[in-house]
N, C-alpha and C. Protein backbone atom coordinates (compact mmCIF):
# COMPACT_ATOMS: atom_id res chain seq x y z
N GLU A 1 275.67 146.26 93.09
CA GLU A 1 277.08 147.06 93.16
C GLU A 1 278.12 146.06 94.34
N ALA A 2 277.30 145.13 94.61
CA ALA A 2 278.24 144.14 95.38
C ALA A 2 278.38 142.89 95.13
N SER A 3 279.91 142.25 95.16
CA SER A 3 280.04 140.95 94.65
C SER A 3 279.31 139.81 95.36
N SER A 4 279.06 140.45 96.96
CA SER A 4 278.51 138.87 97.51
C SER A 4 277.73 140.23 98.94
N LEU A 5 276.73 139.19 99.27
CA LEU A 5 275.88 140.11 100.38
C LEU A 5 275.84 139.06 101.62
N ALA A 6 276.02 139.29 102.82
CA ALA A 6 275.73 138.71 103.81
C ALA A 6 274.18 138.73 104.55
N PRO A 7 273.88 137.95 105.03
CA PRO A 7 272.43 137.77 105.73
C PRO A 7 271.72 139.10 105.85
N GLY A 8 270.90 139.77 105.75
CA GLY A 8 270.35 140.58 106.04
C GLY A 8 271.21 141.96 105.77
N GLU A 9 272.12 141.62 104.49
CA GLU A 9 273.15 143.24 104.07
C GLU A 9 272.25 143.66 102.78
N SER A 10 272.22 144.38 101.83
CA SER A 10 271.30 144.96 101.29
C SER A 10 272.20 146.29 100.55
N ALA A 11 272.48 145.88 98.78
CA ALA A 11 272.72 146.42 98.43
C ALA A 11 272.29 147.26 97.38
N ARG A 12 272.47 148.38 96.95
CA ARG A 12 271.90 149.47 95.91
C ARG A 12 272.00 148.40 94.25
N ILE A 13 271.08 148.43 93.49
CA ILE A 13 271.82 147.99 92.32
C ILE A 13 271.48 149.10 90.61
N THR A 14 272.28 148.58 90.16
CA THR A 14 272.73 150.04 89.12
C THR A 14 271.89 149.71 87.72
N SER A 15 271.42 148.24 87.77
CA SER A 15 270.15 148.00 86.31
C SER A 15 269.78 146.87 86.47
N ILE A 16 268.48 146.51 85.73
CA ILE A 16 267.65 145.24 85.76
C ILE A 16 267.36 144.94 84.67
N ILE A 17 267.29 143.52 84.14
CA ILE A 17 266.91 142.91 83.08
C ILE A 17 266.02 141.79 83.03
N GLU A 18 264.98 141.61 82.18
CA GLU A 18 263.81 140.70 82.31
C GLU A 18 264.16 139.67 81.17
N LYS A 19 264.91 138.05 82.48
CA LYS A 19 264.97 137.24 81.86
C LYS A 19 265.69 137.32 80.60
N PRO A 20 267.19 138.08 80.84
CA PRO A 20 268.23 137.69 79.39
C PRO A 20 268.31 136.51 78.95
N ALA A 21 268.49 136.56 77.29
CA ALA A 21 268.51 135.38 77.12
C ALA A 21 270.06 134.75 77.05
N PRO A 22 270.30 133.53 77.75
CA PRO A 22 271.39 132.65 78.18
C PRO A 22 272.66 132.99 77.68
N GLU A 23 272.60 133.87 76.32
CA GLU A 23 274.07 134.10 75.87
C GLU A 23 274.72 135.46 75.85
N THR A 24 273.60 136.68 76.58
CA THR A 24 273.88 137.78 77.55
C THR A 24 274.58 137.61 77.97
N LYS A 25 275.85 139.15 78.05
CA LYS A 25 277.03 138.61 78.65
C LYS A 25 276.30 139.88 79.81
N LEU A 26 276.67 139.42 81.07
CA LEU A 26 275.96 139.98 82.27
C LEU A 26 277.04 140.36 83.07
N GLU A 27 277.03 141.81 84.01
CA GLU A 27 277.79 142.17 84.56
C GLU A 27 277.39 141.29 86.08
N SER A 28 276.53 140.62 86.87
CA SER A 28 276.54 139.83 87.86
C SER A 28 275.29 138.30 87.77
N ASN A 29 275.70 137.91 88.54
CA ASN A 29 275.29 136.82 88.52
C ASN A 29 274.08 137.32 89.30
N TYR A 30 273.61 138.11 89.76
CA TYR A 30 272.55 137.85 90.53
C TYR A 30 270.75 137.91 89.87
N SER A 31 269.42 137.51 90.60
CA SER A 31 268.26 137.94 89.44
C SER A 31 267.38 137.82 90.30
N ALA A 32 266.60 138.88 89.87
CA ALA A 32 265.80 139.30 90.53
C ALA A 32 264.45 137.76 90.72
N VAL A 33 264.35 137.76 91.63
CA VAL A 33 263.03 136.41 91.93
C VAL A 33 261.48 136.95 91.95
N GLY A 34 261.21 137.85 92.22
CA GLY A 34 260.00 137.97 92.43
C GLY A 34 259.20 138.48 93.84
N ARG A 35 260.40 138.93 94.41
CA ARG A 35 259.88 139.26 95.99
C ARG A 35 260.52 140.74 95.92
N TYR A 36 259.38 141.41 95.66
CA TYR A 36 259.70 142.94 95.75
C TYR A 36 258.93 143.85 97.07
N VAL A 37 259.23 144.48 97.36
CA VAL A 37 259.14 145.61 98.35
C VAL A 37 259.30 146.93 97.70
N LEU A 38 258.36 147.79 97.03
CA LEU A 38 258.61 149.12 96.23
C LEU A 38 257.99 150.35 96.89
N SER A 39 258.03 151.31 96.61
CA SER A 39 257.84 152.54 97.00
C SER A 39 256.30 152.80 96.20
N ALA A 40 255.63 153.16 96.67
CA ALA A 40 254.44 153.94 95.73
C ALA A 40 255.09 154.37 94.44
N ASP A 41 256.28 154.92 94.36
CA ASP A 41 256.67 155.63 93.07
C ASP A 41 256.38 155.06 91.30
N ILE A 42 256.39 153.29 91.94
CA ILE A 42 256.30 152.26 90.88
C ILE A 42 254.90 152.46 90.28
N TRP A 43 253.61 153.14 90.79
CA TRP A 43 252.66 153.08 89.75
C TRP A 43 252.72 153.83 89.17
N PRO A 44 252.86 154.79 88.84
CA PRO A 44 252.68 155.50 87.75
C PRO A 44 253.76 155.63 86.73
N LEU A 45 254.45 154.52 87.03
CA LEU A 45 255.77 153.85 85.95
C LEU A 45 255.28 152.82 85.09
N LEU A 46 254.42 152.07 86.06
CA LEU A 46 253.83 151.21 85.70
C LEU A 46 252.68 151.18 84.85
N GLU A 47 251.97 152.25 85.02
CA GLU A 47 251.21 153.02 83.86
C GLU A 47 251.35 153.58 82.46
N THR A 48 252.69 154.13 82.52
CA THR A 48 253.71 154.64 81.10
C THR A 48 254.10 153.63 80.84
N THR A 49 254.40 152.42 81.12
CA THR A 49 255.60 151.12 80.80
C THR A 49 254.77 150.62 79.50
N GLU A 50 255.68 150.68 78.64
CA GLU A 50 255.18 150.24 77.57
C GLU A 50 255.36 148.58 77.45
N PRO A 51 254.66 147.99 76.48
CA PRO A 51 254.72 146.23 76.58
C PRO A 51 256.20 145.68 75.99
N GLY A 52 256.93 145.08 76.80
CA GLY A 52 258.69 144.91 76.61
C GLY A 52 258.59 143.18 76.21
N ALA A 53 259.51 142.73 77.46
CA ALA A 53 259.68 141.09 76.41
C ALA A 53 258.07 140.12 76.34
N TRP A 54 257.58 139.77 75.22
CA TRP A 54 256.93 138.74 74.94
C TRP A 54 255.32 139.62 74.93
N GLY A 55 255.72 140.93 74.77
CA GLY A 55 254.10 141.44 74.55
C GLY A 55 253.93 142.02 75.80
N ARG A 56 254.62 141.92 76.98
CA ARG A 56 253.42 142.08 78.24
C ARG A 56 254.59 143.70 78.78
N ILE A 57 253.54 144.15 79.62
CA ILE A 57 254.35 144.96 80.97
C ILE A 57 255.24 144.55 81.25
N GLN A 58 256.35 144.85 81.62
CA GLN A 58 256.92 143.90 82.72
C GLN A 58 257.56 144.87 83.65
N LEU A 59 257.48 144.56 85.30
CA LEU A 59 257.84 145.28 85.92
C LEU A 59 259.29 145.20 86.33
N THR A 60 259.53 144.56 85.48
CA THR A 60 261.56 144.91 85.55
C THR A 60 261.68 146.22 84.37
N ASP A 61 261.03 146.40 83.50
CA ASP A 61 260.98 147.66 83.04
C ASP A 61 260.79 149.38 84.03
N ALA A 62 259.60 148.78 84.73
CA ALA A 62 259.14 150.15 85.47
C ALA A 62 260.35 150.20 86.39
N ILE A 63 260.74 149.05 86.56
CA ILE A 63 262.20 149.11 88.02
C ILE A 63 263.59 149.50 87.44
N ALA A 64 263.44 149.71 86.39
CA ALA A 64 264.51 149.94 85.09
C ALA A 64 264.48 151.43 85.82
N GLU A 65 263.19 152.09 85.40
CA GLU A 65 263.26 153.72 84.76
C GLU A 65 262.68 154.14 86.53
N LEU A 66 262.82 153.41 87.40
CA LEU A 66 262.65 153.87 88.89
C LEU A 66 264.39 154.14 89.09
N LEU A 67 264.72 153.54 88.64
CA LEU A 67 266.26 152.95 89.10
C LEU A 67 267.03 154.26 88.33
N LYS A 68 266.68 155.28 87.57
CA LYS A 68 266.86 156.93 87.19
C LYS A 68 266.52 158.01 87.62
N ARG A 69 265.19 157.51 88.96
CA ARG A 69 264.43 158.63 89.53
C ARG A 69 265.20 158.27 91.09
N LYS A 70 265.69 157.20 91.66
CA LYS A 70 265.89 157.17 93.43
C LYS A 70 266.39 155.53 93.33
N PRO A 71 267.11 155.64 94.17
CA PRO A 71 268.10 154.57 94.63
C PRO A 71 267.10 153.35 94.95
N VAL A 72 267.33 152.48 94.19
CA VAL A 72 266.81 150.75 94.54
C VAL A 72 267.66 149.87 94.78
N GLU A 73 267.26 148.89 96.29
CA GLU A 73 267.96 148.29 96.90
C GLU A 73 267.57 146.87 96.63
N ALA A 74 268.50 146.02 96.69
CA ALA A 74 268.37 144.38 96.62
C ALA A 74 269.00 143.88 97.67
N THR A 75 268.17 142.95 98.29
CA THR A 75 269.39 141.64 99.16
C THR A 75 268.99 140.89 98.55
N GLU A 76 269.72 139.77 99.16
CA GLU A 76 269.48 138.09 99.00
C GLU A 76 268.67 137.53 99.78
N LEU A 77 268.34 136.84 98.83
CA LEU A 77 267.35 135.46 99.97
C LEU A 77 267.92 134.35 99.26
N VAL A 78 267.62 133.30 100.47
CA VAL A 78 268.38 132.10 100.01
C VAL A 78 267.19 130.60 99.85
N GLY A 79 267.10 130.14 98.65
CA GLY A 79 266.07 129.48 98.91
C GLY A 79 265.90 128.71 96.98
N GLU A 80 264.96 128.21 96.94
CA GLU A 80 264.83 127.53 95.69
C GLU A 80 263.95 128.41 94.87
N SER A 81 264.32 128.87 93.37
CA SER A 81 262.81 129.65 92.86
C SER A 81 262.63 128.76 91.62
N PHE A 82 261.35 129.11 91.10
CA PHE A 82 261.02 128.70 89.90
C PHE A 82 260.55 129.69 88.74
N ASN A 83 260.80 129.52 87.56
CA ASN A 83 260.14 130.24 86.22
C ASN A 83 258.63 130.01 86.39
N CYS A 84 258.11 130.94 87.01
CA CYS A 84 256.62 130.80 86.84
C CYS A 84 256.04 131.12 85.40
N GLY A 85 256.97 131.92 84.77
CA GLY A 85 256.48 132.33 83.64
C GLY A 85 256.53 131.51 82.66
N GLU A 86 256.70 130.61 82.86
CA GLU A 86 257.26 129.07 81.92
C GLU A 86 256.09 128.01 82.68
N LYS A 87 255.45 127.27 81.57
CA LYS A 87 254.02 126.18 82.45
C LYS A 87 255.14 125.36 83.36
N LEU A 88 256.16 125.07 82.80
CA LEU A 88 256.55 123.50 83.51
C LEU A 88 257.09 124.26 84.66
N GLY A 89 258.17 125.21 84.84
CA GLY A 89 257.85 126.28 85.34
C GLY A 89 257.14 126.28 86.73
N TYR A 90 255.73 126.71 86.27
CA TYR A 90 254.52 126.89 87.29
C TYR A 90 254.04 125.70 87.61
N LEU A 91 254.30 124.56 87.14
CA LEU A 91 253.87 123.44 87.22
C LEU A 91 254.88 122.85 88.37
N ARG A 92 256.50 123.13 88.33
CA ARG A 92 257.10 122.37 89.64
C ARG A 92 256.91 122.97 90.73
N ALA A 93 256.81 124.46 90.31
CA ALA A 93 256.16 125.45 91.59
C ALA A 93 255.26 124.65 92.79
N PHE A 94 254.17 124.94 91.45
CA PHE A 94 252.69 124.01 92.38
C PHE A 94 253.33 122.54 92.56
N VAL A 95 253.34 121.65 92.71
CA VAL A 95 253.68 120.09 93.01
C VAL A 95 254.87 120.80 94.45
N THR A 96 256.32 121.13 94.01
CA THR A 96 256.68 121.62 95.52
C THR A 96 256.13 122.22 96.36
N TYR A 97 255.37 123.04 96.28
CA TYR A 97 254.60 124.01 97.17
C TYR A 97 253.54 122.86 98.08
N GLY A 98 253.44 122.23 97.06
CA GLY A 98 251.66 121.14 97.43
C GLY A 98 252.58 120.16 98.66
N LEU A 99 253.38 119.80 97.89
CA LEU A 99 254.25 118.74 98.80
C LEU A 99 254.75 119.04 100.15
N ARG A 100 255.03 120.68 99.99
CA ARG A 100 255.82 121.26 101.24
C ARG A 100 254.55 121.56 102.21
N HIS A 101 253.49 121.61 101.99
CA HIS A 101 252.80 122.49 102.58
C HIS A 101 252.65 121.52 103.89
N PRO A 102 252.18 122.91 104.94
CA PRO A 102 252.55 122.20 106.62
C PRO A 102 250.98 121.61 106.71
N THR A 103 250.10 121.53 105.85
CA THR A 103 248.72 121.12 106.65
C THR A 103 248.49 120.20 105.35
N GLN A 104 248.63 120.32 104.15
CA GLN A 104 248.14 119.87 102.99
C GLN A 104 249.31 118.63 102.26
N GLY A 105 250.37 119.00 102.61
CA GLY A 105 251.54 118.23 101.93
C GLY A 105 251.54 116.75 102.26
N LYS A 106 251.43 116.49 103.12
CA LYS A 106 250.94 114.90 103.76
C LYS A 106 249.93 114.35 102.68
N ALA A 107 248.37 115.01 102.72
CA ALA A 107 247.76 114.15 101.54
C ALA A 107 248.12 114.40 100.49
N PHE A 108 248.85 115.56 100.03
CA PHE A 108 249.13 115.49 98.45
C PHE A 108 250.14 114.83 98.30
N ARG A 109 251.13 114.69 98.92
CA ARG A 109 251.83 113.52 98.99
C ARG A 109 251.34 112.33 98.73
N GLU A 110 250.30 111.85 99.14
CA GLU A 110 249.82 110.41 99.21
C GLU A 110 249.11 110.58 97.99
N TRP A 111 248.07 111.48 97.48
CA TRP A 111 247.18 111.69 96.20
C TRP A 111 248.66 111.72 95.50
N ALA A 112 249.40 112.30 95.29
CA ALA A 112 250.59 112.12 94.15
C ALA A 112 251.51 110.88 94.05
N GLU A 113 251.24 109.85 94.82
CA GLU A 113 252.22 108.61 95.13
C GLU A 113 250.94 107.59 94.66
N ARG A 114 249.58 107.70 94.58
CA ARG A 114 248.61 106.86 93.72
C ARG A 114 248.60 107.17 92.33
N LEU A 115 249.35 108.23 91.86
CA LEU A 115 248.72 108.52 90.18
C LEU A 115 250.07 107.16 89.38
N SER A 116 250.99 106.58 89.87
CA SER A 116 251.53 105.60 90.03
C SER A 116 252.59 106.11 88.37
N LEU A 117 253.23 106.72 89.25
CA LEU A 117 254.15 107.47 87.94
C LEU A 117 255.14 106.82 87.64
């Protein structure tokens, strides 16, 4: 419902969809990127959720069902996101995490530089 959120602010969501096709007309520019704090009410819904996109049970489908029963809110997070449902996105996330790791990042970067890419 919100067109923009201030840091720490939240807003009620009215719908959610799992990775819409690029040509899909959406009502919002927001995306759910895998940081969830949900009530225990989600578990029974997951147990009865049928496989959806890609033949897998989707958390977003269970959240869509939860929306019919009680309010669900979202907050804006600032940062980089990766589509870890795709192999290249997972690899990008892994390498980025490795390079930025507080204790292993330096050694990881040195190792990566020796790969002669």
